Amino acid sequence: MYKIYDMWPEIALQSYKDCTNSIEYSKPSHFVFAGMGGSGAINDIFSAILSKTNTHVTVVKGYHLPKTVNSDSIVVVTSVSGDTSETISILENAKEAGAKTIAFSDGGKIKQICMKNNIPHRNITKFHSPRASFTAFLYSMLGVLKPVLPIEESDVLESIKNLSLIHEKINSENMAESNPAIKIAEWINHTPVIYYPWGLQSAAIRFKNSLQENCKIHVIAEDVIEACHNGVVAWENNDNFQPILIRGKNDYEKTVQ
């Protein structure tokens, strides 16, 4: 798996460039991104990016679509395996609601359903596992959805450049103490409680999922402002929880404080 992680910048760039088969829908009034686990974390990224625009976005992790979905909505269904039962249910719900739909998977039942019902589908090759396939799916989806997303291509390419810069610091060949990933791994010795500001929920969820799947530990994630209303009192007790605060560049002043 670590060899795939080392290839993430390369996979991201190639995936984005290779997706020439873009979506042909018009821009919607409502986006719904549906998926579970690693696929769901990808959808959280889209929600975070689009939160800075006027685009209405709903992320669904479960079996049911919102009742507000209609023919003006675009439902984006993602399942790396193509066999996730919750995501298959959403795909069927979207068809019944008459919504514009597109699915992404590496084959599976979802591809079969799409072919049978003439639903647009893009096959993306899985790398090892859903969590290791994160950049392959994210950047392929960015390429396919480019005509309907209010996202500048320059921003996408800049993110890949930044991914390369991070890779130089934390790749598997750098086992020095200066590697920030090693520092974090050594520092975490209790149950992590990850606090995030508005807009960075996707980073917290991805971090949480990675710790749970790769380290097999319990992890909690919560909005830092919401935690200040109730969760903060729990820190008055002695326990084995370890707080981790994710910070952004443009956090609200109260979050910074």
Protein backbone atom coordinates (compact mmCIF):
# COMPACT_ATOMS: atom_id res chain seq x y z
CA MET A 1 0.00 0.00 0.00
CA TYR A 2 2.77 2.47 0.85
CA LYS A 3 4.09 2.12 -2.71
CA ILE A 4 0.73 3.33 -4.00
CA TYR A 5 0.77 6.26 -1.56
CA ASP A 6 4.21 7.20 -2.89
CA MET A 7 2.69 7.37 -6.39
CA TRP A 8 -0.23 9.62 -5.42
CA PRO A 9 1.03 12.82 -7.16
CA GLU A 10 1.72 10.88 -10.35
CA ILE A 11 -1.62 9.06 -10.16
CA ALA A 12 -3.47 12.34 -9.51
CA LEU A 13 -1.99 14.11 -12.54
CA GLN A 14 -2.45 11.14 -14.87
CA SER A 15 -6.02 10.56 -13.70
CA TYR A 16 -6.96 14.19 -14.29
CA LYS A 17 -5.35 14.33 -17.75
CA ASP A 18 -6.78 10.99 -18.88
CA CYS A 19 -10.42 11.95 -18.22
CA THR A 20 -11.38 13.37 -21.59
CA ASN A 21 -14.87 11.80 -21.50
CA SER A 22 -16.49 14.69 -19.62
CA ILE A 23 -20.08 14.83 -18.44
CA GLU A 24 -22.62 16.29 -20.88
CA TYR A 25 -25.17 17.58 -18.38
CA SER A 26 -26.01 21.25 -17.89
CA LYS A 27 -25.12 22.90 -14.58
CA PRO A 28 -27.58 21.77 -11.89
CA SER A 29 -29.41 23.57 -9.10
CA HIS A 30 -28.39 20.84 -6.68
CA PHE A 31 -25.50 18.37 -6.43
CA VAL A 32 -25.81 15.14 -4.46
CA PHE A 33 -22.61 13.17 -3.84
CA ALA A 34 -23.25 9.65 -2.56
CA GLY A 35 -20.78 7.05 -1.30
CA MET A 36 -19.52 5.23 1.77
CA GLY A 37 -16.15 4.90 3.50
CA GLY A 38 -13.23 5.95 1.32
CA SER A 39 -15.61 6.84 -1.50
CA GLY A 40 -17.64 8.95 0.90
CA ALA A 41 -14.49 10.83 1.95
CA ILE A 42 -13.99 11.81 -1.70
CA ASN A 43 -17.48 13.29 -1.71
CA ASP A 44 -16.65 15.26 1.45
CA ILE A 45 -13.81 16.86 -0.51
CA PHE A 46 -16.23 18.00 -3.21
CA SER A 47 -18.58 19.40 -0.57
CA ALA A 48 -15.72 21.33 1.05
CA ILE A 49 -14.53 22.79 -2.24
CA LEU A 50 -18.01 23.80 -3.34
CA SER A 51 -18.85 25.30 0.07
CA LYS A 52 -16.98 28.41 -1.11
CA THR A 53 -19.34 28.78 -4.08
CA ASN A 54 -23.08 29.32 -4.49
CA THR A 55 -23.58 25.66 -5.36
CA HIS A 56 -26.11 23.67 -3.33
CA VAL A 57 -24.43 20.41 -2.25
CA THR A 58 -25.65 17.43 -0.24
CA VAL A 59 -23.42 14.51 0.78
CA VAL A 60 -25.29 11.24 1.35
CA LYS A 61 -23.81 8.36 3.34
CA GLY A 62 -26.60 5.85 3.57
CA TYR A 63 -29.51 4.34 1.66
CA HIS A 64 -31.84 7.29 0.99
CA LEU A 65 -31.82 10.38 -1.20
CA PRO A 66 -33.21 13.69 0.06
CA LYS A 67 -36.81 14.35 -1.03
CA THR A 68 -35.60 17.58 -2.67
CA VAL A 69 -33.85 15.65 -5.46
CA ASN A 70 -35.53 16.11 -8.84
CA SER A 71 -34.77 16.41 -12.56
CA ASP A 72 -32.72 19.58 -11.90
CA SER A 73 -30.35 17.67 -9.59
CA ILE A 74 -27.17 15.83 -10.48
CA VAL A 75 -26.56 12.73 -8.36
CA VAL A 76 -22.92 11.61 -8.35
CA VAL A 77 -22.59 8.02 -7.17
CA THR A 78 -19.16 6.73 -6.13
CA SER A 79 -18.13 3.21 -5.11
CA VAL A 80 -14.60 1.99 -5.74
CA SER A 81 -15.70 -1.66 -5.66
CA GLY A 82 -18.99 -1.00 -7.42
CA ASP A 83 -20.75 -3.34 -5.01
CA THR A 84 -21.55 -1.09 -2.02
CA SER A 85 -25.17 -1.80 -1.06
CA GLU A 86 -25.94 1.71 0.24
CA THR A 87 -24.60 3.31 -2.93
CA ILE A 88 -26.54 0.91 -5.16
CA SER A 89 -29.69 1.94 -3.29
CA ILE A 90 -28.93 5.62 -3.98
CA LEU A 91 -28.38 4.85 -7.67
CA GLU A 92 -31.78 3.19 -7.87
CA ASN A 93 -33.41 6.05 -5.92
CA ALA A 94 -31.91 8.60 -8.32
CA LYS A 95 -33.35 6.75 -11.30
CA GLU A 96 -36.81 6.75 -9.68
CA ALA A 97 -36.54 10.48 -8.89
CA GLY A 98 -35.68 11.29 -12.50
CA ALA A 99 -32.43 12.99 -11.49
CA LYS A 100 -29.46 13.38 -13.79
CA THR A 101 -27.04 10.72 -12.59
CA ILE A 102 -23.46 9.65 -13.16
CA ALA A 103 -21.63 6.79 -11.45
CA PHE A 104 -17.95 6.09 -10.81
CA SER A 105 -16.64 2.63 -9.94
CA ASP A 106 -14.16 -0.05 -10.88
CA GLY A 107 -16.85 -2.27 -12.38
CA GLY A 108 -19.13 -4.23 -10.05
CA LYS A 109 -22.93 -4.19 -9.81
CA ILE A 110 -23.06 -0.42 -10.22
CA LYS A 111 -21.55 -0.64 -13.68
CA GLN A 112 -24.01 -3.37 -14.63
CA ILE A 113 -26.98 -1.30 -13.40
CA CYS A 114 -25.76 1.73 -15.34
CA MET A 115 -25.31 -0.25 -18.56
CA LYS A 116 -28.76 -1.81 -18.21
CA ASN A 117 -30.48 1.54 -17.56
CA ASN A 118 -28.41 3.76 -19.86
CA ILE A 119 -26.94 5.74 -16.94
CA PRO A 120 -23.57 7.43 -17.57
CA HIS A 121 -20.76 5.48 -15.92
CA ARG A 122 -17.02 6.02 -15.77
CA ASN A 123 -14.79 3.06 -14.97
CA ILE A 124 -11.82 4.02 -12.79
CA THR A 125 -9.17 1.44 -12.00
CA LYS A 126 -8.72 0.62 -8.32
CA PHE A 127 -5.23 0.83 -6.82
CA HIS A 128 -4.93 -1.83 -4.08
CA SER A 129 -7.93 -0.65 -2.01
CA PRO A 130 -10.54 2.16 -1.83
CA ARG A 131 -8.41 4.26 0.54
CA ALA A 132 -5.31 3.84 -1.63
CA SER A 133 -7.37 4.75 -4.72
CA PHE A 134 -8.30 8.14 -3.27
CA THR A 135 -6.40 10.35 -5.74
CA ALA A 136 -7.25 8.18 -8.75
CA PHE A 137 -10.97 8.61 -8.13
CA LEU A 138 -10.88 12.22 -6.90
CA TYR A 139 -8.94 13.59 -9.86
CA SER A 140 -10.73 11.43 -12.42
CA MET A 141 -14.02 12.79 -11.09
CA LEU A 142 -12.69 16.35 -11.22
CA GLY A 143 -11.87 15.80 -14.87
CA VAL A 144 -15.19 14.21 -15.80
CA LEU A 145 -17.30 16.74 -13.87
CA LYS A 146 -15.28 19.77 -15.03
CA PRO A 147 -18.05 21.20 -17.30
CA VAL A 148 -20.54 21.45 -14.40
CA LEU A 149 -18.23 22.29 -11.49
CA PRO A 150 -17.34 25.90 -10.58
CA ILE A 151 -13.72 24.87 -10.04
CA GLU A 152 -10.80 26.43 -11.90
CA GLU A 153 -8.40 24.03 -13.61
CA SER A 154 -5.49 26.09 -12.27
CA ASP A 155 -6.64 25.27 -8.72
CA VAL A 156 -6.77 21.56 -9.52
CA LEU A 157 -3.25 21.62 -10.95
CA GLU A 158 -2.01 23.64 -7.98
CA SER A 159 -3.39 20.99 -5.62
CA ILE A 160 -1.42 18.32 -7.48
CA LYS A 161 1.70 20.48 -7.21
CA ASN A 162 1.14 20.79 -3.46
CA LEU A 163 0.62 17.04 -3.25
CA SER A 164 4.05 16.59 -4.82
CA LEU A 165 5.60 18.94 -2.26
CA ILE A 166 4.04 16.95 0.59
CA HIS A 167 5.26 13.72 -1.02
CA GLU A 168 8.85 14.98 -0.85
CA LYS A 169 8.51 15.29 2.94
CA ILE A 170 6.59 12.13 3.84
CA ASN A 171 7.38 9.50 1.18
CA SER A 172 8.38 6.04 2.37
CA GLU A 173 12.06 6.55 1.51
CA ASN A 174 12.31 9.40 4.02
CA MET A 175 12.49 7.58 7.33
CA ALA A 176 14.31 10.40 9.10
CA GLU A 177 13.00 11.98 12.30
CA SER A 178 12.29 15.14 10.29
CA ASN A 179 9.47 13.33 8.46
CA PRO A 180 6.28 15.01 9.80
CA ALA A 181 4.22 11.84 9.27
CA ILE A 182 6.57 9.88 11.52
CA LYS A 183 6.44 12.65 14.12
CA ILE A 184 2.64 12.55 14.19
CA ALA A 185 2.59 8.75 14.37
CA GLU A 186 4.97 8.74 17.32
CA TRP A 187 3.06 11.54 19.05
CA ILE A 188 -0.36 9.82 18.90
CA ASN A 189 -0.43 7.36 21.79
CA HIS A 190 -4.05 7.76 23.00
CA THR A 191 -7.48 7.89 21.35
CA PRO A 192 -7.41 10.93 19.01
CA VAL A 193 -10.19 13.53 19.09
CA ILE A 194 -9.88 15.58 15.90
CA TYR A 195 -11.35 19.10 15.94
CA TYR A 196 -11.86 20.92 12.66
CA PRO A 197 -13.10 24.38 11.60
CA TRP A 198 -15.88 24.95 9.08
CA GLY A 199 -14.67 24.01 5.60
CA LEU A 200 -12.13 21.42 6.74
CA GLN A 201 -14.49 18.64 7.78
CA SER A 202 -13.32 16.60 4.80
CA ALA A 203 -9.69 16.73 5.99
CA ALA A 204 -10.75 15.60 9.46
CA ILE A 205 -12.85 12.73 8.13
CA ARG A 206 -10.08 11.56 5.81
CA PHE A 207 -7.58 11.72 8.69
CA LYS A 208 -10.00 9.83 10.96
CA ASN A 209 -10.68 7.15 8.33
CA SER A 210 -6.97 6.65 7.68
CA LEU A 211 -6.19 6.17 11.37
CA GLN A 212 -9.10 3.77 11.79
CA GLU A 213 -8.35 1.67 8.71
CA ASN A 214 -4.56 1.64 8.81
CA CYS A 215 -3.91 1.82 12.57
CA LYS A 216 -7.05 -0.03 13.76
CA ILE A 217 -7.78 2.53 16.51
CA HIS A 218 -10.85 4.47 17.66
CA VAL A 219 -10.96 8.08 16.45
CA ILE A 220 -13.47 10.88 17.07
CA ALA A 221 -13.97 13.95 14.84
CA GLU A 222 -16.05 17.00 15.74
CA ASP A 223 -16.57 20.61 14.61
CA VAL A 224 -14.51 22.78 16.94
CA ILE A 225 -17.22 25.44 17.35
CA GLU A 226 -19.88 22.84 18.15
CA ALA A 227 -17.47 21.24 20.63
CA CYS A 228 -17.13 24.58 22.43
CA HIS A 229 -20.85 24.39 23.28
CA ASN A 230 -20.81 20.96 24.91
CA GLY A 231 -17.86 18.68 24.16
CA VAL A 232 -15.31 20.97 25.80
CA VAL A 233 -16.57 20.14 29.32
CA ALA A 234 -15.44 16.52 28.90
CA TRP A 235 -11.82 17.71 29.04
CA GLU A 236 -12.32 18.52 32.73
CA ASN A 237 -11.98 14.78 33.41
CA ASN A 238 -8.85 12.66 33.26
CA ASP A 239 -9.01 10.23 30.35
CA ASN A 240 -7.00 8.67 27.54
CA PHE A 241 -8.18 10.95 24.75
CA GLN A 242 -5.78 13.10 22.76
CA PRO A 243 -6.92 16.37 21.10
CA ILE A 244 -5.80 17.21 17.58
CA LEU A 245 -6.75 20.58 16.04
CA ILE A 246 -6.84 21.03 12.29
CA ARG A 247 -6.26 24.65 11.32
CA GLY A 248 -7.00 26.45 8.06
CA LYS A 249 -5.60 29.58 6.43
CA ASN A 250 -8.82 31.58 6.63
CA ASP A 251 -10.48 30.32 9.80
CA TYR A 252 -13.14 32.43 11.47
CA GLU A 253 -11.67 34.68 14.19
CA LYS A 254 -13.47 32.81 16.98
CA THR A 255 -12.06 29.50 15.70
CA VAL A 256 -8.54 30.91 15.74
CA GLN A 257 -8.97 32.07 19.34
